[in-house]
PDB file of N, CA and C in Angstrom:
ATOM      1  N   MET A   1      -7.822  35.446  99.007  1.00  0.00           N
ATOM      2  CA  MET A   1      -6.533  36.589  98.522  1.00  0.00           C
ATOM      3  C   MET A   1      -7.814  37.772  98.596  1.00  0.00           C
ATOM      4  N   SER A   2      -6.894  38.820  99.031  1.00  0.00           N
ATOM      5  CA  SER A   2      -7.758  39.997  99.567  1.00  0.00           C
ATOM      6  C   SER A   2      -7.712  40.862  97.832  1.00  0.00           C
ATOM      7  N   ALA A   3      -8.921  41.858  97.788  1.00  0.00           N
ATOM      8  CA  ALA A   3      -9.141  42.551  96.603  1.00  0.00           C
ATOM      9  C   ALA A   3      -7.802  43.269  96.568  1.00  0.00           C
ATOM     10  N   ALA A   4      -7.104  43.945  97.259  1.00  0.00           N
ATOM     11  CA  ALA A   4      -5.881  44.764  97.075  1.00  0.00           C
ATOM     12  C   ALA A   4      -4.627  43.670  96.430  1.00  0.00           C
ATOM     13  N   MET A   5      -4.886  42.732  96.708  1.00  0.00           N
ATOM     14  CA  MET A   5      -3.648  41.598  96.215  1.00  0.00           C
ATOM     15  C   MET A   5      -3.981  41.073  94.938  1.00  0.00           C
ATOM     16  N   LEU A   6      -5.218  41.271  94.675  1.00  0.00           N
ATOM     17  CA  LEU A   6      -5.664  40.685  93.421  1.00  0.00           C
ATOM     18  C   LEU A   6      -5.581  42.072  92.278  1.00  0.00           C
ATOM     19  N   THR A   7      -5.976  43.111  92.867  1.00  0.00           N
ATOM     20  CA  THR A   7      -5.591  44.503  91.874  1.00  0.00           C
ATOM     21  C   THR A   7      -4.463  44.442  91.636  1.00  0.00           C
ATOM     22  N   ALA A   8      -3.207  44.116  92.728  1.00  0.00           N
ATOM     23  CA  ALA A   8      -1.353  44.224  92.363  1.00  0.00           C
ATOM     24  C   ALA A   8      -1.427  43.217  91.585  1.00  0.00           C
ATOM     25  N   LEU A   9      -1.895  42.051  91.589  1.00  0.00           N
ATOM     26  CA  LEU A   9      -1.580  41.015  90.439  1.00  0.00           C
ATOM     27  C   LEU A   9      -1.972  41.488  89.509  1.00  0.00           C
ATOM     28  N   ALA A  10      -3.367  41.758  88.979  1.00  0.00           N
ATOM     29  CA  ALA A  10      -3.764  41.980  87.901  1.00  0.00           C
ATOM     30  C   ALA A  10      -2.835  43.369  87.183  1.00  0.00           C
ATOM     31  N   HIS A  11      -2.598  44.359  87.913  1.00  0.00           N
ATOM     32  CA  HIS A  11      -1.547  45.261  87.402  1.00  0.00           C
ATOM     33  C   HIS A  11      -0.307  44.637  86.588  1.00  0.00           C
ATOM     34  N   THR A  12       0.202  43.630  87.689  1.00  0.00           N
ATOM     35  CA  THR A  12       1.444  42.893  87.059  1.00  0.00           C
ATOM     36  C   THR A  12       1.310  42.113  86.039  1.00  0.00           C
ATOM     37  N   ALA A  13       0.469  41.177  86.087  1.00  0.00           N
ATOM     38  CA  ALA A  13      -0.035  40.478  84.856  1.00  0.00           C
ATOM     39  C   ALA A  13      -0.241  41.478  83.574  1.00  0.00           C
ATOM     40  N   HIS A  14      -0.917  42.367  83.249  1.00  0.00           N
ATOM     41  CA  HIS A  14      -0.700  43.221  82.118  1.00  0.00           C
ATOM     42  C   HIS A  14       0.525  43.775  81.969  1.00  0.00           C
ATOM     43  N   GLY A  15       1.654  43.975  82.487  1.00  0.00           N
ATOM     44  CA  GLY A  15       2.575  44.574  82.376  1.00  0.00           C
ATOM     45  C   GLY A  15       3.059  45.810  82.855  1.00  0.00           C
ATOM     46  N   ALA A  16       2.149  46.052  83.871  1.00  0.00           N
ATOM     47  CA  ALA A  16       2.491  47.364  84.841  1.00  0.00           C
ATOM     48  C   ALA A  16       3.233  47.159  86.136  1.00  0.00           C
ATOM     49  N   ALA A  17       4.440  46.654  85.789  1.00  0.00           N
ATOM     50  CA  ALA A  17       5.416  46.463  86.867  1.00  0.00           C
ATOM     51  C   ALA A  17       5.214  47.563  87.859  1.00  0.00           C
ATOM     52  N   LEU A  18       5.314  48.680  87.308  1.00  0.00           N
ATOM     53  CA  LEU A  18       5.680  49.979  88.192  1.00  0.00           C
ATOM     54  C   LEU A  18       4.604  50.548  89.091  1.00  0.00           C
ATOM     55  N   GLN A  19       3.366  50.054  88.204  1.00  0.00           N
ATOM     56  CA  GLN A  19       2.058  50.243  89.253  1.00  0.00           C
ATOM     57  C   GLN A  19       2.012  49.429  90.198  1.00  0.00           C
ATOM     58  N   LEU A  20       2.436  48.624  90.349  1.00  0.00           N
ATOM     59  CA  LEU A  20       2.334  47.852  91.620  1.00  0.00           C
ATOM     60  C   LEU A  20       2.624  48.335  92.962  1.00  0.00           C
ATOM     61  N   GLY A  21       3.622  49.528  92.807  1.00  0.00           N
ATOM     62  CA  GLY A  21       4.100  49.920  94.069  1.00  0.00           C
ATOM     63  C   GLY A  21       3.056  51.153  94.431  1.00  0.00           C
ATOM     64  N   ALA A  22       2.286  51.636  93.630  1.00  0.00           N
ATOM     65  CA  ALA A  22       1.635  52.969  93.672  1.00  0.00           C
ATOM     66  C   ALA A  22       0.210  52.305  93.607  1.00  0.00           C
ATOM     67  N   VAL A  23      -0.305  51.287  94.609  1.00  0.00           N
ATOM     68  CA  VAL A  23      -1.382  51.098  94.829  1.00  0.00           C
ATOM     69  C   VAL A  23      -1.707  50.612  96.283  1.00  0.00           C
ATOM     70  N   LEU A  24      -2.649  51.532  96.925  1.00  0.00           N
ATOM     71  CA  LEU A  24      -2.710  51.197  98.424  1.00  0.00           C
ATOM     72  C   LEU A  24      -3.273  50.093  98.374  1.00  0.00           C
ATOM     73  N   PRO A  25      -3.182  49.651 100.168  1.00  0.00           N
ATOM     74  CA  PRO A  25      -3.799  48.245 100.238  1.00  0.00           C
ATOM     75  C   PRO A  25      -5.396  48.096  99.972  1.00  0.00           C
ATOM     76  N   ALA A  26      -6.017  49.268  99.995  1.00  0.00           N
ATOM     77  CA  ALA A  26      -7.428  49.066  99.555  1.00  0.00           C
ATOM     78  C   ALA A  26      -7.726  49.495  97.929  1.00  0.00           C
ATOM     79  N   GLY A  27      -7.080  49.275  97.425  1.00  0.00           N
ATOM     80  CA  GLY A  27      -7.066  49.249  95.944  1.00  0.00           C
ATOM     81  C   GLY A  27      -7.606  50.828  95.339  1.00  0.00           C
ATOM     82  N   LEU A  28      -6.836  51.834  96.119  1.00  0.00           N
ATOM     83  CA  LEU A  28      -7.058  53.346  95.444  1.00  0.00           C
ATOM     84  C   LEU A  28      -5.482  53.573  95.183  1.00  0.00           C
ATOM     85  N   PRO A  29      -5.584  54.253  93.911  1.00  0.00           N
ATOM     86  CA  PRO A  29      -4.143  54.475  93.399  1.00  0.00           C
ATOM     87  C   PRO A  29      -3.490  55.709  94.078  1.00  0.00           C
ATOM     88  N   LEU A  30      -2.437  55.911  94.476  1.00  0.00           N
ATOM     89  CA  LEU A  30      -1.618  56.775  95.108  1.00  0.00           C
ATOM     90  C   LEU A  30      -1.360  58.345  94.169  1.00  0.00           C
ATOM     91  N   SER A  31      -1.286  57.978  92.899  1.00  0.00           N
ATOM     92  CA  SER A  31      -1.355  59.272  92.237  1.00  0.00           C
ATOM     93  C   SER A  31      -2.383  59.564  91.927  1.00  0.00           C
ATOM     94  N   PRO A  32      -2.740  61.010  91.567  1.00  0.00           N
ATOM     95  CA  PRO A  32      -4.285  61.502  91.097  1.00  0.00           C
ATOM     96  C   PRO A  32      -4.494  60.848  89.801  1.00  0.00           C
ATOM     97  N   THR A  33      -5.556  60.748  89.343  1.00  0.00           N
ATOM     98  CA  THR A  33      -5.744  60.860  87.938  1.00  0.00           C
ATOM     99  C   THR A  33      -5.586  61.930  87.120  1.00  0.00           C
ATOM    100  N   PRO A  34      -5.546  62.152  85.958  1.00  0.00           N
ATOM    101  CA  PRO A  34      -5.207  63.173  85.180  1.00  0.00           C
ATOM    102  C   PRO A  34      -6.277  63.735  84.858  1.00  0.00           C
ATOM    103  N   SER A  35      -6.353  65.306  84.480  1.00  0.00           N
ATOM    104  CA  SER A  35      -7.469  65.646  84.299  1.00  0.00           C
ATOM    105  C   SER A  35      -7.493  65.585  82.717  1.00  0.00           C
ATOM    106  N   PRO A  36      -8.767  65.708  81.994  1.00  0.00           N
ATOM    107  CA  PRO A  36      -8.934  65.306  80.702  1.00  0.00           C
ATOM    108  C   PRO A  36      -8.646  66.458  79.789  1.00  0.00           C
ATOM    109  N   SER A  37      -8.206  66.191  78.461  1.00  0.00           N
ATOM    110  CA  SER A  37      -7.322  66.818  77.593  1.00  0.00           C
ATOM    111  C   SER A  37      -8.359  66.755  76.348  1.00  0.00           C
ATOM    112  N   PRO A  38      -8.467  67.801  75.833  1.00  0.00           N
ATOM    113  CA  PRO A  38      -8.103  69.083  76.091  1.00  0.00           C
ATOM    114  C   PRO A  38      -8.902  70.016  77.211  1.00  0.00           C
ATOM    115  N   SER A  39      -7.978  70.909  77.592  1.00  0.00           N
ATOM    116  CA  SER A  39      -8.586  71.352  78.819  1.00  0.00           C
ATOM    117  C   SER A  39      -9.787  72.652  78.319  1.00  0.00           C
ATOM    118  N   THR A  40     -10.451  73.349  78.867  1.00  0.00           N
ATOM    119  CA  THR A  40     -11.213  74.344  78.622  1.00  0.00           C
ATOM    120  C   THR A  40     -10.523  75.749  78.453  1.00  0.00           C
ATOM    121  N   LEU A  41      -9.525  75.737  79.794  1.00  0.00           N
ATOM    122  CA  LEU A  41      -9.084  76.760  79.981  1.00  0.00           C
ATOM    123  C   LEU A  41      -7.977  77.363  78.595  1.00  0.00           C
ATOM    124  N   GLU A  42      -8.199  78.373  77.946  1.00  0.00           N
ATOM    125  CA  GLU A  42      -7.205  78.747  76.775  1.00  0.00           C
ATOM    126  C   GLU A  42      -5.853  79.470  77.104  1.00  0.00           C
ATOM    127  N   ILE A  43      -4.948  79.294  76.864  1.00  0.00           N
ATOM    128  CA  ILE A  43      -3.737  80.244  77.413  1.00  0.00           C
ATOM    129  C   ILE A  43      -3.344  80.843  75.821  1.00  0.00           C
ATOM    130  N   PRO A  44      -3.096  82.177  76.003  1.00  0.00           N
ATOM    131  CA  PRO A  44      -2.802  83.046  74.793  1.00  0.00           C
ATOM    132  C   PRO A  44      -1.433  82.348  74.874  1.00  0.00           C
ATOM    133  N   PRO A  45      -1.109  82.324  73.016  1.00  0.00           N
ATOM    134  CA  PRO A  45       0.754  82.264  72.871  1.00  0.00           C
ATOM    135  C   PRO A  45       1.638  83.357  73.700  1.00  0.00           C
ATOM    136  N   GLU A  46       2.659  82.950  73.846  1.00  0.00           N
ATOM    137  CA  GLU A  46       3.377  84.118  74.622  1.00  0.00           C
ATOM    138  C   GLU A  46       3.937  85.170  73.796  1.00  0.00           C
ATOM    139  N   ASP A  47       3.756  85.509  72.438  1.00  0.00           N
ATOM    140  CA  ASP A  47       4.160  86.442  71.703  1.00  0.00           C
ATOM    141  C   ASP A  47       2.776  87.523  71.776  1.00  0.00           C
ATOM    142  N   GLN A  48       2.007  86.903  72.528  1.00  0.00           N
ATOM    143  CA  GLN A  48       0.627  87.936  72.647  1.00  0.00           C
ATOM    144  C   GLN A  48       0.266  88.122  74.068  1.00  0.00           C
ATOM    145  N   THR A  49       1.057  87.983  75.198  1.00  0.00           N
ATOM    146  CA  THR A  49       0.955  88.335  76.339  1.00  0.00           C
ATOM    147  C   THR A  49       1.788  89.519  76.590  1.00  0.00           C
ATOM    148  N   SER A  50       1.570  90.277  77.461  1.00  0.00           N
ATOM    149  CA  SER A  50       2.101  91.573  78.421  1.00  0.00           C
ATOM    150  C   SER A  50       1.951  91.616  79.482  1.00  0.00           C
ATOM    151  N   PRO A  51       2.854  92.455  80.193  1.00  0.00           N
ATOM    152  CA  PRO A  51       2.396  92.677  81.570  1.00  0.00           C
ATOM    153  C   PRO A  51       1.131  93.363  81.677  1.00  0.00           C
ATOM    154  N   GLY A  52       1.054  94.330  80.700  1.00  0.00           N
ATOM    155  CA  GLY A  52      -0.395  95.230  81.017  1.00  0.00           C
ATOM    156  C   GLY A  52       0.114  96.605  81.700  1.00  0.00           C
ATOM    157  N   LEU A  53      -1.109  97.483  82.164  1.00  0.00           N
ATOM    158  CA  LEU A  53      -1.276  98.848  82.535  1.00  0.00           C
ATOM    159  C   LEU A  53      -0.270  98.656  83.776  1.00  0.00           C
ATOM    160  N   LEU A  54      -0.511  97.937  84.444  1.00  0.00           N
ATOM    161  CA  LEU A  54      -0.156  97.652  86.095  1.00  0.00           C
ATOM    162  C   LEU A  54       1.747  97.512  86.162  1.00  0.00           C
ATOM    163  N   GLY A  55       1.872  96.691  85.126  1.00  0.00           N
ATOM    164  CA  GLY A  55       3.298  96.417  84.509  1.00  0.00           C
ATOM    165  C   GLY A  55       4.129  97.613  84.268  1.00  0.00           C
ATOM    166  N   PHE A  56       3.476  98.531  83.365  1.00  0.00           N
ATOM    167  CA  PHE A  56       3.704  99.833  82.882  1.00  0.00           C
ATOM    168  C   PHE A  56       4.127 100.646  84.184  1.00  0.00           C
ATOM    169  N   LEU A  57       3.083 100.880  85.148  1.00  0.00           N
ATOM    170  CA  LEU A  57       3.221 101.815  86.295  1.00  0.00           C
ATOM    171  C   LEU A  57       4.297 101.169  86.821  1.00  0.00           C
ATOM    172  N   VAL A  58       4.253 100.243  87.490  1.00  0.00           N
ATOM    173  CA  VAL A  58       5.513  99.789  88.568  1.00  0.00           C
ATOM    174  C   VAL A  58       6.548 100.394  87.687  1.00  0.00           C
ATOM    175  N   THR A  59       6.927  99.879  86.507  1.00  0.00           N
ATOM    176  CA  THR A  59       8.582 100.135  85.841  1.00  0.00           C
ATOM    177  C   THR A  59       8.507 101.763  85.659  1.00  0.00           C
ATOM    178  N   PHE A  60       7.591 102.586  85.290  1.00  0.00           N
ATOM    179  CA  PHE A  60       7.586 103.955  85.238  1.00  0.00           C
ATOM    180  C   PHE A  60       8.047 104.529  86.608  1.00  0.00           C
ATOM    181  N   ALA A  61       7.015 104.166  87.690  1.00  0.00           N
ATOM    182  CA  ALA A  61       7.395 104.468  89.046  1.00  0.00           C
ATOM    183  C   ALA A  61       8.831 104.446  89.644  1.00  0.00           C
ATOM    184  N   VAL A  62       9.393 103.295  89.179  1.00  0.00           N
ATOM    185  CA  VAL A  62      10.948 102.649  89.507  1.00  0.00           C
ATOM    186  C   VAL A  62      11.617 103.640  88.788  1.00  0.00           C
ATOM    187  N   ALA A  63      11.837 103.700  87.730  1.00  0.00           N
ATOM    188  CA  ALA A  63      12.356 104.933  86.514  1.00  0.00           C
ATOM    189  C   ALA A  63      12.276 106.180  87.242  1.00  0.00           C
ATOM    190  N   ALA A  64      11.420 106.557  87.469  1.00  0.00           N
ATOM    191  CA  ALA A  64      11.054 107.797  88.171  1.00  0.00           C
ATOM    192  C   ALA A  64      11.883 108.027  89.658  1.00  0.00           C
ATOM    193  N   ALA A  65      11.844 107.112  90.302  1.00  0.00           N
ATOM    194  CA  ALA A  65      12.327 107.254  91.512  1.00  0.00           C
ATOM    195  C   ALA A  65      13.878 107.046  91.228  1.00  0.00           C
ATOM    196  N   VAL A  66      14.526 106.274  90.577  1.00  0.00           N
ATOM    197  CA  VAL A  66      15.978 106.353  90.198  1.00  0.00           C
ATOM    198  C   VAL A  66      16.301 107.631  89.698  1.00  0.00           C
ATOM    199  N   ILE A  67      15.946 108.122  88.933  1.00  0.00           N
ATOM    200  CA  ILE A  67      15.783 109.868  88.637  1.00  0.00           C
ATOM    201  C   ILE A  67      15.905 110.770  89.669  1.00  0.00           C
ATOM    202  N   GLY A  68      14.961 110.493  90.293  1.00  0.00           N
ATOM    203  CA  GLY A  68      15.135 111.564  91.405  1.00  0.00           C
ATOM    204  C   GLY A  68      15.998 111.141  92.384  1.00  0.00           C
ATOM    205  N   LEU A  69      16.524 109.986  92.579  1.00  0.00           N
ATOM    206  CA  LEU A  69      17.634 109.702  93.951  1.00  0.00           C
ATOM    207  C   LEU A  69      18.886 110.174  92.990  1.00  0.00           C
ATOM    208  N   GLY A  70      18.838 109.893  91.670  1.00  0.00           N
ATOM    209  CA  GLY A  70      20.317 110.306  90.692  1.00  0.00           C
ATOM    210  C   GLY A  70      20.213 111.932  91.181  1.00  0.00           C
ATOM    211  N   TYR A  71      19.471 112.635  90.566  1.00  0.00           N
ATOM    212  CA  TYR A  71      19.701 114.049  91.150  1.00  0.00           C
ATOM    213  C   TYR A  71      20.042 114.615  92.487  1.00  0.00           C
ATOM    214  N   SER A  72      19.253 113.855  93.487  1.00  0.00           N
ATOM    215  CA  SER A  72      19.733 114.040  94.927  1.00  0.00           C
ATOM    216  C   SER A  72      20.887 113.824  95.072  1.00  0.00           C
ATOM    217  N   LEU A  73      21.660 112.748  94.673  1.00  0.00           N
ATOM    218  CA  LEU A  73      23.103 112.218  95.067  1.00  0.00           C
ATOM    219  C   LEU A  73      23.889 113.416  94.241  1.00  0.00           C
ATOM    220  N   VAL A  74      23.520 113.912  93.123  1.00  0.00           N
ATOM    221  CA  VAL A  74      24.340 114.868  92.607  1.00  0.00           C
ATOM    222  C   VAL A  74      24.277 116.184  93.555  1.00  0.00           C
ATOM    223  N   ARG A  75      22.979 116.616  94.085  1.00  0.00           N
ATOM    224  CA  ARG A  75      23.165 117.859  94.777  1.00  0.00           C
ATOM    225  C   ARG A  75      23.939 117.473  95.911  1.00  0.00           C
ATOM    226  N   HIS A  76      23.499 116.467  96.575  1.00  0.00           N
ATOM    227  CA  HIS A  76      24.606 116.139  98.132  1.00  0.00           C
ATOM    228  C   HIS A  76      26.147 116.181  97.679  1.00  0.00           C
ATOM    229  N   LEU A  77      26.646 115.383  96.295  1.00  0.00           N
ATOM    230  CA  LEU A  77      27.907 115.457  96.246  1.00  0.00           C
ATOM    231  C   LEU A  77      28.675 116.860  96.014  1.00  0.00           C
ATOM    232  N   ARG A  78      27.506 117.535  95.437  1.00  0.00           N
ATOM    233  CA  ARG A  78      28.085 119.020  95.313  1.00  0.00           C
ATOM    234  C   ARG A  78      27.845 120.062  96.575  1.00  0.00           C
ATOM    235  N   VAL A  79      27.285 119.319  97.547  1.00  0.00           N
ATOM    236  CA  VAL A  79      27.664 120.329  98.691  1.00  0.00           C
ATOM    237  C   VAL A  79      28.507 119.826  99.435  1.00  0.00           C
ATOM    238  N   VAL A  80      29.107 118.309  99.499  1.00  0.00           N
ATOM    239  CA  VAL A  80      29.970 117.862 100.070  1.00  0.00           C
ATOM    240  C   VAL A  80      31.232 118.412  99.675  1.00  0.00           C
ATOM    241  N   ASP A  81      31.550 118.502  98.158  1.00  0.00           N
ATOM    242  CA  ASP A  81      32.779 119.194  97.437  1.00  0.00           C
ATOM    243  C   ASP A  81      32.924 120.487  97.817  1.00  0.00           C
ATOM    244  N   ARG A  82      32.071 121.535  97.879  1.00  0.00           N
ATOM    245  CA  ARG A  82      32.012 122.499  98.393  1.00  0.00           C
ATOM    246  C   ARG A  82      32.554 122.711  99.849  1.00  0.00           C
ATOM    247  N   ASN A  83      31.583 121.962 100.587  1.00  0.00           N
ATOM    248  CA  ASN A  83      32.319 122.183 102.222  1.00  0.00           C
ATOM    249  C   ASN A  83      33.876 121.807 102.276  1.00  0.00           C
ATOM    250  N   ALA A  84      33.993 120.635 101.495  1.00  0.00           N
ATOM    251  CA  ALA A  84      35.588 120.397 101.490  1.00  0.00           C
ATOM    252  C   ALA A  84      36.397 121.540 101.083  1.00  0.00           C
ATOM    253  N   ARG A  85      36.118 121.905 100.194  1.00  0.00           N
ATOM    254  CA  ARG A  85      36.880 123.226  99.488  1.00  0.00           C
ATOM    255  C   ARG A  85      36.852 124.326 100.802  1.00  0.00           C
ATOM    256  N   ARG A  86      35.948 124.850 101.181  1.00  0.00           N
ATOM    257  CA  ARG A  86      35.692 125.927 102.129  1.00  0.00           C
ATOM    258  C   ARG A  86      36.809 125.298 103.481  1.00  0.00           C
ATOM    259  N   ARG A  87      36.602 124.062 103.816  1.00  0.00           N
ATOM    260  CA  ARG A  87      37.605 123.689 104.968  1.00  0.00           C
ATOM    261  C   ARG A  87      38.818 123.956 104.476  1.00  0.00           C
ATOM    262  N   ASP A  88      38.904 123.624 103.514  1.00  0.00           N
ATOM    263  CA  ASP A  88      40.521 123.500 102.994  1.00  0.00           C
ATOM    264  C   ASP A  88      41.146 125.025 102.670  1.00  0.00           C
ATOM    265  N   GLU A  89      40.320 125.872 102.410  1.00  0.00           N
ATOM    266  CA  GLU A  89      40.789 127.272 102.174  1.00  0.00           C
ATOM    267  C   GLU A  89      41.138 127.985 103.693  1.00  0.00           C
ATOM    268  N   ALA A  90      39.995 127.336 104.308  1.00  0.00           N
ATOM    269  CA  ALA A  90      39.922 128.288 105.951  1.00  0.00           C
ATOM    270  C   ALA A  90      41.310 127.538 106.637  1.00  0.00           C
ATOM    271  N   ASP A  91      41.607 126.225 106.249  1.00  0.00           N
ATOM    272  CA  ASP A  91      42.870 125.704 106.986  1.00  0.00           C
ATOM    273  C   ASP A  91      44.133 126.352 106.307  1.00  0.00           C
ATOM    274  N   ALA A  92      44.107 126.883 105.219  1.00  0.00           N
ATOM    275  CA  ALA A  92      45.131 127.306 104.479  1.00  0.00           C
ATOM    276  C   ALA A  92      45.486 128.861 105.111  1.00  0.00           C
ATOM    277  N   ALA A  93      44.196 129.397 105.076  1.00  0.00           N
ATOM    278  CA  ALA A  93      44.424 130.851 105.655  1.00  0.00           C
ATOM    279  C   ALA A  93      45.023 130.639 107.412  1.00  0.00           C
ATOM    280  N   ARG A  94      44.227 129.755 107.870  1.00  0.00           N
ATOM    281  CA  ARG A  94      44.832 129.834 109.246  1.00  0.00           C
ATOM    282  C   ARG A  94      46.462 129.604 109.279  1.00  0.00           C
ATOM    283  N   GLU A  95      46.729 128.453 108.559  1.00  0.00           N
ATOM    284  CA  GLU A  95      48.275 128.593 108.574  1.00  0.00           C
ATOM    285  C   GLU A  95      49.140 129.711 107.838  1.00  0.00           C
ATOM    286  N   ALA A  96      48.213 130.352 106.993  1.00  0.00           N
ATOM    287  CA  ALA A  96      49.246 131.675 106.504  1.00  0.00           C
ATOM    288  C   ALA A  96      48.938 132.513 107.707  1.00  0.00           C
ATOM    289  N   ALA A  97      48.197 132.677 108.437  1.00  0.00           N
ATOM    290  CA  ALA A  97      47.990 133.740 109.092  1.00  0.00           C
ATOM    291  C   ALA A  97      48.816 133.410 110.504  1.00  0.00           C
ATOM    292  N   ALA A  98      48.954 132.088 110.813  1.00  0.00           N
ATOM    293  CA  ALA A  98      50.078 131.590 111.892  1.00  0.00           C
ATOM    294  C   ALA A  98      51.517 131.680 111.622  1.00  0.00           C
ATOM    295  N   THR A  99      52.059 131.898 110.528  1.00  0.00           N
ATOM    296  CA  THR A  99      53.092 131.721 109.796  1.00  0.00           C
ATOM    297  C   THR A  99      53.626 133.636 109.777  1.00  0.00           C
ATOM    298  N   ASP A 100      52.597 134.487 109.431  1.00  0.00           N
ATOM    299  CA  ASP A 100      52.834 135.605 109.377  1.00  0.00           C
ATOM    300  C   ASP A 100      52.889 136.462 110.406  1.00  0.00           C
ATOM    301  N   ASP A 101      52.695 135.888 111.837  1.00  0.00           N
ATOM    302  CA  ASP A 101      52.425 136.763 113.148  1.00  0.00           C
ATOM    303  C   ASP A 101      53.908 137.653 113.252  1.00  0.00           C
ATOM    304  N   PRO A 102      53.781 138.793 113.655  1.00  0.00           N
ATOM    305  CA  PRO A 102      55.029 139.233 113.974  1.00  0.00           C
ATOM    306  C   PRO A 102      55.703 138.821 115.243  1.00  0.00           C
ATOM    307  N   PRO A 103      56.868 138.698 115.416  1.00  0.00           N
ATOM    308  CA  PRO A 103      57.322 137.855 116.528  1.00  0.00           C
ATOM    309  C   PRO A 103      57.139 138.863 117.412  1.00  0.00           C
ATOM    310  N   ALA A 104      57.164 138.615 118.849  1.00  0.00           N
ATOM    311  CA  ALA A 104      56.563 139.638 119.895  1.00  0.00           C
ATOM    312  C   ALA A 104      57.832 140.082 120.388  1.00  0.00           C
ATOM    313  N   GLY A 105      57.843 141.258 121.039  1.00  0.00           N
ATOM    314  CA  GLY A 105      58.877 142.013 121.250  1.00  0.00           C
ATOM    315  C   GLY A 105      58.825 142.705 122.578  1.00  0.00           C
ATOM    316  N   PRO A 106      59.717 143.504 122.675  1.00  0.00           N
ATOM    317  CA  PRO A 106      59.656 144.741 123.899  1.00  0.00           C
ATOM    318  C   PRO A 106      58.903 145.862 123.150  1.00  0.00           C
TER     319      PRO A 106
END
């Protein structure tokens, strides 16, 4: 018997039937070995984390852009409304002038 088959039989004999398929023919496991626990990397609790200065600056810039775009939109809407009123008044004046023309005579 080969070493790989002996390793597979040893796993099965010890009650690890699921590990049988996770062994390569050379006896190497398919899954990586887990890192030791506890890790040296410390992760702060969720209530102590914040986006920081960069997150504040990005949020502030987006808010300033939205306010600026809002003012620009209102200004352009006022211009469009003013131009529409002027056009309506000019059309009404033209119609009034067309109906008030004296008839052409001798």
